[in-house]
C-alpha cells in the first residue's frame, strides 16, 4: 500500500485576527502574514498541525483560535 493511500484525516482550526499588527515587532507581523491574516476580523481555516499551532501561539495576543468540526 502506498503512503498516499494511508493519509489520515487532519483536524482544522479557525484563526481569527482580533488586534492590529501595526505596532508589533516585525516578527509578529510576519507571523500574521504567514498565517494568511491581513486585517482585524479576518479569519482563515488551517490544518491543525504543530507548526500552525506554534505560529498562533507566537501571536496569541493578536488572534483567537478555535477548532472547526
PDB file of N, CA and C in Angstrom:
ATOM      1  N   UNK A   1       0.840  -1.172   0.000  1.00  0.00           N
ATOM      2  CA  UNK A   1       0.000   0.000   0.000  1.00  0.00           C
ATOM      3  C   UNK A   1       0.890   1.242   0.000  1.00  0.00           C
ATOM      4  N   UNK A   2       0.568   2.212  -0.822  1.00  0.00           N
ATOM      5  CA  UNK A   2       1.394   3.410  -0.914  1.00  0.00           C
ATOM      6  C   UNK A   2       1.105   4.369   0.236  1.00  0.00           C
ATOM      7  N   UNK A   3       2.040   5.284   0.460  1.00  0.00           N
ATOM      8  CA  UNK A   3       1.858   6.261   1.529  1.00  0.00           C
ATOM      9  C   UNK A   3       0.681   7.183   1.252  1.00  0.00           C
ATOM     10  N   UNK A   4       0.406   7.456  -0.017  1.00  0.00           N
ATOM     11  CA  UNK A   4      -0.711   8.329  -0.360  1.00  0.00           C
ATOM     12  C   UNK A   4      -2.040   7.705   0.063  1.00  0.00           C
ATOM     13  N   UNK A   5      -2.128   6.398   0.044  1.00  0.00           N
ATOM     14  CA  UNK A   5      -3.352   5.724   0.416  1.00  0.00           C
ATOM     15  C   UNK A   5      -3.549   5.697   1.932  1.00  0.00           C
ATOM     16  N   UNK A   6      -2.506   5.978   2.697  1.00  0.00           N
ATOM     17  CA  UNK A   6      -2.577   5.931   4.148  1.00  0.00           C
ATOM     18  C   UNK A   6      -2.776   7.313   4.774  1.00  0.00           C
ATOM     19  N   UNK A   7      -3.311   8.256   4.032  1.00  0.00           N
ATOM     20  CA  UNK A   7      -3.486   9.593   4.584  1.00  0.00           C
ATOM     21  C   UNK A   7      -4.494   9.553   5.717  1.00  0.00           C
ATOM     22  N   UNK A   8      -4.201  10.319   6.739  1.00  0.00           N
ATOM     23  CA  UNK A   8      -5.108  10.395   7.882  1.00  0.00           C
ATOM     24  C   UNK A   8      -5.846  11.717   7.834  1.00  0.00           C
ATOM     25  N   UNK A   9      -7.007  11.722   8.396  1.00  0.00           N
ATOM     26  CA  UNK A   9      -7.812  12.933   8.433  1.00  0.00           C
ATOM     27  C   UNK A   9      -7.213  13.901   9.452  1.00  0.00           C
ATOM     28  N   UNK A  10      -6.914  15.106   8.982  1.00  0.00           N
ATOM     29  CA  UNK A  10      -6.330  16.133   9.831  1.00  0.00           C
ATOM     30  C   UNK A  10      -7.434  17.097  10.241  1.00  0.00           C
ATOM     31  N   UNK A  11      -7.465  17.450  11.532  1.00  0.00           N
ATOM     32  CA  UNK A  11      -8.455  18.407  12.003  1.00  0.00           C
ATOM     33  C   UNK A  11      -8.169  19.794  11.464  1.00  0.00           C
ATOM     34  N   UNK A  12      -9.102  20.675  11.666  1.00  0.00           N
ATOM     35  CA  UNK A  12      -8.978  22.056  11.194  1.00  0.00           C
ATOM     36  C   UNK A  12      -9.132  23.003  12.382  1.00  0.00           C
ATOM     37  N   UNK A  13      -8.459  24.156  12.287  1.00  0.00           N
ATOM     38  CA  UNK A  13      -8.643  25.208  13.277  1.00  0.00           C
ATOM     39  C   UNK A  13      -8.943  26.511  12.547  1.00  0.00           C
ATOM     40  N   UNK A  14      -9.704  27.358  13.204  1.00  0.00           N
ATOM     41  CA  UNK A  14     -10.019  28.690  12.671  1.00  0.00           C
ATOM     42  C   UNK A  14      -9.192  29.698  13.451  1.00  0.00           C
ATOM     43  N   UNK A  15      -8.412  30.487  12.741  1.00  0.00           N
ATOM     44  CA  UNK A  15      -7.578  31.520  13.354  1.00  0.00           C
ATOM     45  C   UNK A  15      -8.141  32.861  12.921  1.00  0.00           C
ATOM     46  N   UNK A  16      -8.505  33.699  13.890  1.00  0.00           N
ATOM     47  CA  UNK A  16      -9.109  34.996  13.600  1.00  0.00           C
ATOM     48  C   UNK A  16      -8.270  36.104  14.223  1.00  0.00           C
ATOM     49  N   UNK A  17      -7.955  37.113  13.437  1.00  0.00           N
ATOM     50  CA  UNK A  17      -7.180  38.242  13.941  1.00  0.00           C
ATOM     51  C   UNK A  17      -8.117  39.186  14.686  1.00  0.00           C
ATOM     52  N   UNK A  18      -7.769  39.508  15.942  1.00  0.00           N
ATOM     53  CA  UNK A  18      -8.615  40.363  16.760  1.00  0.00           C
ATOM     54  C   UNK A  18      -7.963  41.702  17.083  1.00  0.00           C
ATOM     55  N   UNK A  19      -6.670  41.813  16.878  1.00  0.00           N
ATOM     56  CA  UNK A  19      -5.958  43.063  17.121  1.00  0.00           C
ATOM     57  C   UNK A  19      -5.026  43.357  15.961  1.00  0.00           C
ATOM     58  N   UNK A  20      -4.655  44.619  15.842  1.00  0.00           N
ATOM     59  CA  UNK A  20      -3.801  45.055  14.752  1.00  0.00           C
ATOM     60  C   UNK A  20      -2.347  44.651  14.977  1.00  0.00           C
ATOM     61  N   UNK A  21      -1.634  44.404  13.898  1.00  0.00           N
ATOM     62  CA  UNK A  21      -0.221  44.080  13.975  1.00  0.00           C
ATOM     63  C   UNK A  21       0.668  45.284  13.722  1.00  0.00           C
ATOM     64  N   UNK A  22       0.072  46.471  13.586  1.00  0.00           N
ATOM     65  CA  UNK A  22       0.824  47.663  13.210  1.00  0.00           C
ATOM     66  C   UNK A  22       1.923  47.995  14.207  1.00  0.00           C
ATOM     67  N   UNK A  23       1.619  48.002  15.482  1.00  0.00           N
ATOM     68  CA  UNK A  23       2.614  48.422  16.480  1.00  0.00           C
ATOM     69  C   UNK A  23       3.416  47.248  17.046  1.00  0.00           C
ATOM     70  N   UNK A  24       3.351  46.106  16.390  1.00  0.00           N
ATOM     71  CA  UNK A  24       4.042  44.911  16.873  1.00  0.00           C
ATOM     72  C   UNK A  24       5.430  44.807  16.249  1.00  0.00           C
ATOM     73  N   UNK A  25       6.218  43.907  16.801  1.00  0.00           N
ATOM     74  CA  UNK A  25       7.543  43.635  16.250  1.00  0.00           C
ATOM     75  C   UNK A  25       7.412  43.052  14.840  1.00  0.00           C
ATOM     76  N   UNK A  26       8.427  43.249  14.012  1.00  0.00           N
ATOM     77  CA  UNK A  26       8.368  42.711  12.644  1.00  0.00           C
ATOM     78  C   UNK A  26       8.130  41.199  12.592  1.00  0.00           C
ATOM     79  N   UNK A  27       8.649  40.465  13.553  1.00  0.00           N
ATOM     80  CA  UNK A  27       8.444  39.013  13.562  1.00  0.00           C
ATOM     81  C   UNK A  27       6.972  38.670  13.774  1.00  0.00           C
ATOM     82  N   UNK A  28       6.289  39.406  14.622  1.00  0.00           N
ATOM     83  CA  UNK A  28       4.864  39.163  14.858  1.00  0.00           C
ATOM     84  C   UNK A  28       4.052  39.505  13.617  1.00  0.00           C
ATOM     85  N   UNK A  29       4.388  40.598  12.951  1.00  0.00           N
ATOM     86  CA  UNK A  29       3.691  40.964  11.718  1.00  0.00           C
ATOM     87  C   UNK A  29       3.919  39.908  10.639  1.00  0.00           C
ATOM     88  N   UNK A  30       5.136  39.400  10.559  1.00  0.00           N
ATOM     89  CA  UNK A  30       5.452  38.368   9.570  1.00  0.00           C
ATOM     90  C   UNK A  30       4.684  37.081   9.867  1.00  0.00           C
ATOM     91  N   UNK A  31       4.510  36.762  11.136  1.00  0.00           N
ATOM     92  CA  UNK A  31       3.762  35.563  11.514  1.00  0.00           C
ATOM     93  C   UNK A  31       2.299  35.707  11.120  1.00  0.00           C
ATOM     94  N   UNK A  32       1.734  36.879  11.330  1.00  0.00           N
ATOM     95  CA  UNK A  32       0.352  37.109  10.905  1.00  0.00           C
ATOM     96  C   UNK A  32       0.208  36.902   9.402  1.00  0.00           C
ATOM     97  N   UNK A  33       1.141  37.444   8.643  1.00  0.00           N
ATOM     98  CA  UNK A  33       1.091  37.294   7.187  1.00  0.00           C
ATOM     99  C   UNK A  33       1.274  35.828   6.782  1.00  0.00           C
ATOM    100  N   UNK A  34       2.155  35.119   7.474  1.00  0.00           N
ATOM    101  CA  UNK A  34       2.391  33.707   7.158  1.00  0.00           C
ATOM    102  C   UNK A  34       1.143  32.869   7.448  1.00  0.00           C
ATOM    103  N   UNK A  35       0.370  33.282   8.437  1.00  0.00           N
ATOM    104  CA  UNK A  35      -0.887  32.597   8.724  1.00  0.00           C
ATOM    105  C   UNK A  35      -1.965  32.956   7.707  1.00  0.00           C
ATOM    106  N   UNK A  36      -1.730  33.997   6.919  1.00  0.00           N
ATOM    107  CA  UNK A  36      -2.693  34.407   5.912  1.00  0.00           C
ATOM    108  C   UNK A  36      -3.650  35.479   6.391  1.00  0.00           C
ATOM    109  N   UNK A  37      -3.341  36.093   7.536  1.00  0.00           N
ATOM    110  CA  UNK A  37      -4.209  37.129   8.093  1.00  0.00           C
ATOM    111  C   UNK A  37      -3.776  38.494   7.593  1.00  0.00           C
ATOM    112  N   UNK A  38      -4.752  39.317   7.244  1.00  0.00           N
ATOM    113  CA  UNK A  38      -4.439  40.603   6.635  1.00  0.00           C
ATOM    114  C   UNK A  38      -5.007  41.795   7.387  1.00  0.00           C
ATOM    115  N   UNK A  39      -6.087  41.601   8.128  1.00  0.00           N
ATOM    116  CA  UNK A  39      -6.719  42.732   8.804  1.00  0.00           C
ATOM    117  C   UNK A  39      -7.490  42.230  10.025  1.00  0.00           C
ATOM    118  N   UNK A  40      -7.904  43.149  10.865  1.00  0.00           N
ATOM    119  CA  UNK A  40      -8.705  42.796  12.028  1.00  0.00           C
ATOM    120  C   UNK A  40     -10.032  42.208  11.548  1.00  0.00           C
ATOM    121  N   UNK A  41     -10.431  41.110  12.161  1.00  0.00           N
ATOM    122  CA  UNK A  41     -11.675  40.446  11.784  1.00  0.00           C
ATOM    123  C   UNK A  41     -11.509  39.394  10.706  1.00  0.00           C
ATOM    124  N   UNK A  42     -10.357  39.358  10.061  1.00  0.00           N
ATOM    125  CA  UNK A  42     -10.100  38.368   9.019  1.00  0.00           C
ATOM    126  C   UNK A  42      -9.836  37.023   9.684  1.00  0.00           C
ATOM    127  N   UNK A  43     -10.391  35.964   9.124  1.00  0.00           N
ATOM    128  CA  UNK A  43     -10.152  34.635   9.670  1.00  0.00           C
ATOM    129  C   UNK A  43      -9.820  33.660   8.557  1.00  0.00           C
ATOM    130  N   UNK A  44      -9.013  32.683   8.916  1.00  0.00           N
ATOM    131  CA  UNK A  44      -8.606  31.643   7.978  1.00  0.00           C
ATOM    132  C   UNK A  44      -8.782  30.295   8.654  1.00  0.00           C
ATOM    133  N   UNK A  45      -8.971  29.277   7.848  1.00  0.00           N
ATOM    134  CA  UNK A  45      -9.070  27.912   8.358  1.00  0.00           C
ATOM    135  C   UNK A  45      -7.816  27.179   7.908  1.00  0.00           C
ATOM    136  N   UNK A  46      -7.111  26.625   8.868  1.00  0.00           N
ATOM    137  CA  UNK A  46      -5.842  25.943   8.614  1.00  0.00           C
ATOM    138  C   UNK A  46      -5.911  24.521   9.164  1.00  0.00           C
ATOM    139  N   UNK A  47      -5.030  23.659   8.653  1.00  0.00           N
ATOM    140  CA  UNK A  47      -4.890  22.313   9.215  1.00  0.00           C
ATOM    141  C   UNK A  47      -4.375  22.424  10.641  1.00  0.00           C
ATOM    142  N   UNK A  48      -4.869  21.555  11.503  1.00  0.00           N
ATOM    143  CA  UNK A  48      -4.433  21.549  12.899  1.00  0.00           C
ATOM    144  C   UNK A  48      -3.128  20.762  13.004  1.00  0.00           C
ATOM    145  N   UNK A  49      -2.023  21.475  12.790  1.00  0.00           N
ATOM    146  CA  UNK A  49      -0.690  20.878  12.847  1.00  0.00           C
ATOM    147  C   UNK A  49       0.134  21.630  13.876  1.00  0.00           C
ATOM    148  N   UNK A  50       1.174  20.994  14.405  1.00  0.00           N
ATOM    149  CA  UNK A  50       2.012  21.666  15.411  1.00  0.00           C
ATOM    150  C   UNK A  50       2.626  22.974  14.914  1.00  0.00           C
ATOM    151  N   UNK A  51       2.977  23.048  13.636  1.00  0.00           N
ATOM    152  CA  UNK A  51       3.584  24.263  13.100  1.00  0.00           C
ATOM    153  C   UNK A  51       2.604  25.433  13.149  1.00  0.00           C
ATOM    154  N   UNK A  52       1.369  25.168  12.766  1.00  0.00           N
ATOM    155  CA  UNK A  52       0.352  26.210  12.758  1.00  0.00           C
ATOM    156  C   UNK A  52      -0.005  26.605  14.182  1.00  0.00           C
ATOM    157  N   UNK A  53      -0.127  25.611  15.074  1.00  0.00           N
ATOM    158  CA  UNK A  53      -0.416  25.909  16.485  1.00  0.00           C
ATOM    159  C   UNK A  53       0.685  26.776  17.083  1.00  0.00           C
ATOM    160  N   UNK A  54       1.939  26.492  16.746  1.00  0.00           N
ATOM    161  CA  UNK A  54       3.061  27.280  17.262  1.00  0.00           C
ATOM    162  C   UNK A  54       3.039  28.704  16.750  1.00  0.00           C
ATOM    163  N   UNK A  55       2.693  28.876  15.476  1.00  0.00           N
ATOM    164  CA  UNK A  55       2.595  30.223  14.925  1.00  0.00           C
ATOM    165  C   UNK A  55       1.479  31.005  15.607  1.00  0.00           C
ATOM    166  N   UNK A  56       0.350  30.349  15.838  1.00  0.00           N
ATOM    167  CA  UNK A  56      -0.767  31.013  16.506  1.00  0.00           C
ATOM    168  C   UNK A  56      -0.406  31.359  17.952  1.00  0.00           C
ATOM    169  N   UNK A  57       0.352  30.497  18.599  1.00  0.00           N
ATOM    170  CA  UNK A  57       0.758  30.780  19.979  1.00  0.00           C
ATOM    171  C   UNK A  57       1.734  31.954  20.037  1.00  0.00           C
ATOM    172  N   UNK A  58       2.553  32.105  19.014  1.00  0.00           N
ATOM    173  CA  UNK A  58       3.520  33.204  18.988  1.00  0.00           C
ATOM    174  C   UNK A  58       2.826  34.558  18.911  1.00  0.00           C
ATOM    175  N   UNK A  59       1.639  34.594  18.334  1.00  0.00           N
ATOM    176  CA  UNK A  59       0.890  35.848  18.238  1.00  0.00           C
ATOM    177  C   UNK A  59      -0.454  35.729  18.961  1.00  0.00           C
ATOM    178  N   UNK A  60      -0.458  34.991  20.057  1.00  0.00           N
ATOM    179  CA  UNK A  60      -1.707  34.726  20.772  1.00  0.00           C
ATOM    180  C   UNK A  60      -2.379  35.988  21.306  1.00  0.00           C
ATOM    181  N   UNK A  61      -1.623  37.051  21.458  1.00  0.00           N
ATOM    182  CA  UNK A  61      -2.193  38.317  21.915  1.00  0.00           C
ATOM    183  C   UNK A  61      -2.888  39.064  20.786  1.00  0.00           C
ATOM    184  N   UNK A  62      -2.789  38.560  19.556  1.00  0.00           N
ATOM    185  CA  UNK A  62      -3.397  39.208  18.388  1.00  0.00           C
ATOM    186  C   UNK A  62      -4.482  38.378  17.734  1.00  0.00           C
ATOM    187  N   UNK A  63      -4.583  37.097  18.084  1.00  0.00           N
ATOM    188  CA  UNK A  63      -5.516  36.191  17.404  1.00  0.00           C
ATOM    189  C   UNK A  63      -6.311  35.351  18.400  1.00  0.00           C
ATOM    190  N   UNK A  64      -7.406  34.778  17.898  1.00  0.00           N
ATOM    191  CA  UNK A  64      -8.120  33.743  18.636  1.00  0.00           C
ATOM    192  C   UNK A  64      -8.056  32.476  17.794  1.00  0.00           C
ATOM    193  N   UNK A  65      -8.076  31.336  18.476  1.00  0.00           N
ATOM    194  CA  UNK A  65      -8.003  30.042  17.796  1.00  0.00           C
ATOM    195  C   UNK A  65      -9.131  29.173  18.313  1.00  0.00           C
ATOM    196  N   UNK A  66      -9.860  28.549  17.395  1.00  0.00           N
ATOM    197  CA  UNK A  66     -10.891  27.591  17.794  1.00  0.00           C
ATOM    198  C   UNK A  66     -10.901  26.428  16.818  1.00  0.00           C
ATOM    199  N   UNK A  67     -11.296  25.281  17.299  1.00  0.00           N
ATOM    200  CA  UNK A  67     -11.350  24.087  16.462  1.00  0.00           C
ATOM    201  C   UNK A  67     -12.606  24.111  15.617  1.00  0.00           C
ATOM    202  N   UNK A  68     -12.484  23.641  14.398  1.00  0.00           N
ATOM    203  CA  UNK A  68     -13.614  23.545  13.478  1.00  0.00           C
ATOM    204  C   UNK A  68     -14.007  22.086  13.386  1.00  0.00           C
ATOM    205  N   UNK A  69     -15.286  21.823  13.460  1.00  0.00           N
ATOM    206  CA  UNK A  69     -15.755  20.433  13.396  1.00  0.00           C
ATOM    207  C   UNK A  69     -16.203  20.073  12.018  1.00  0.00           C
TER     208      UNK A  69
END
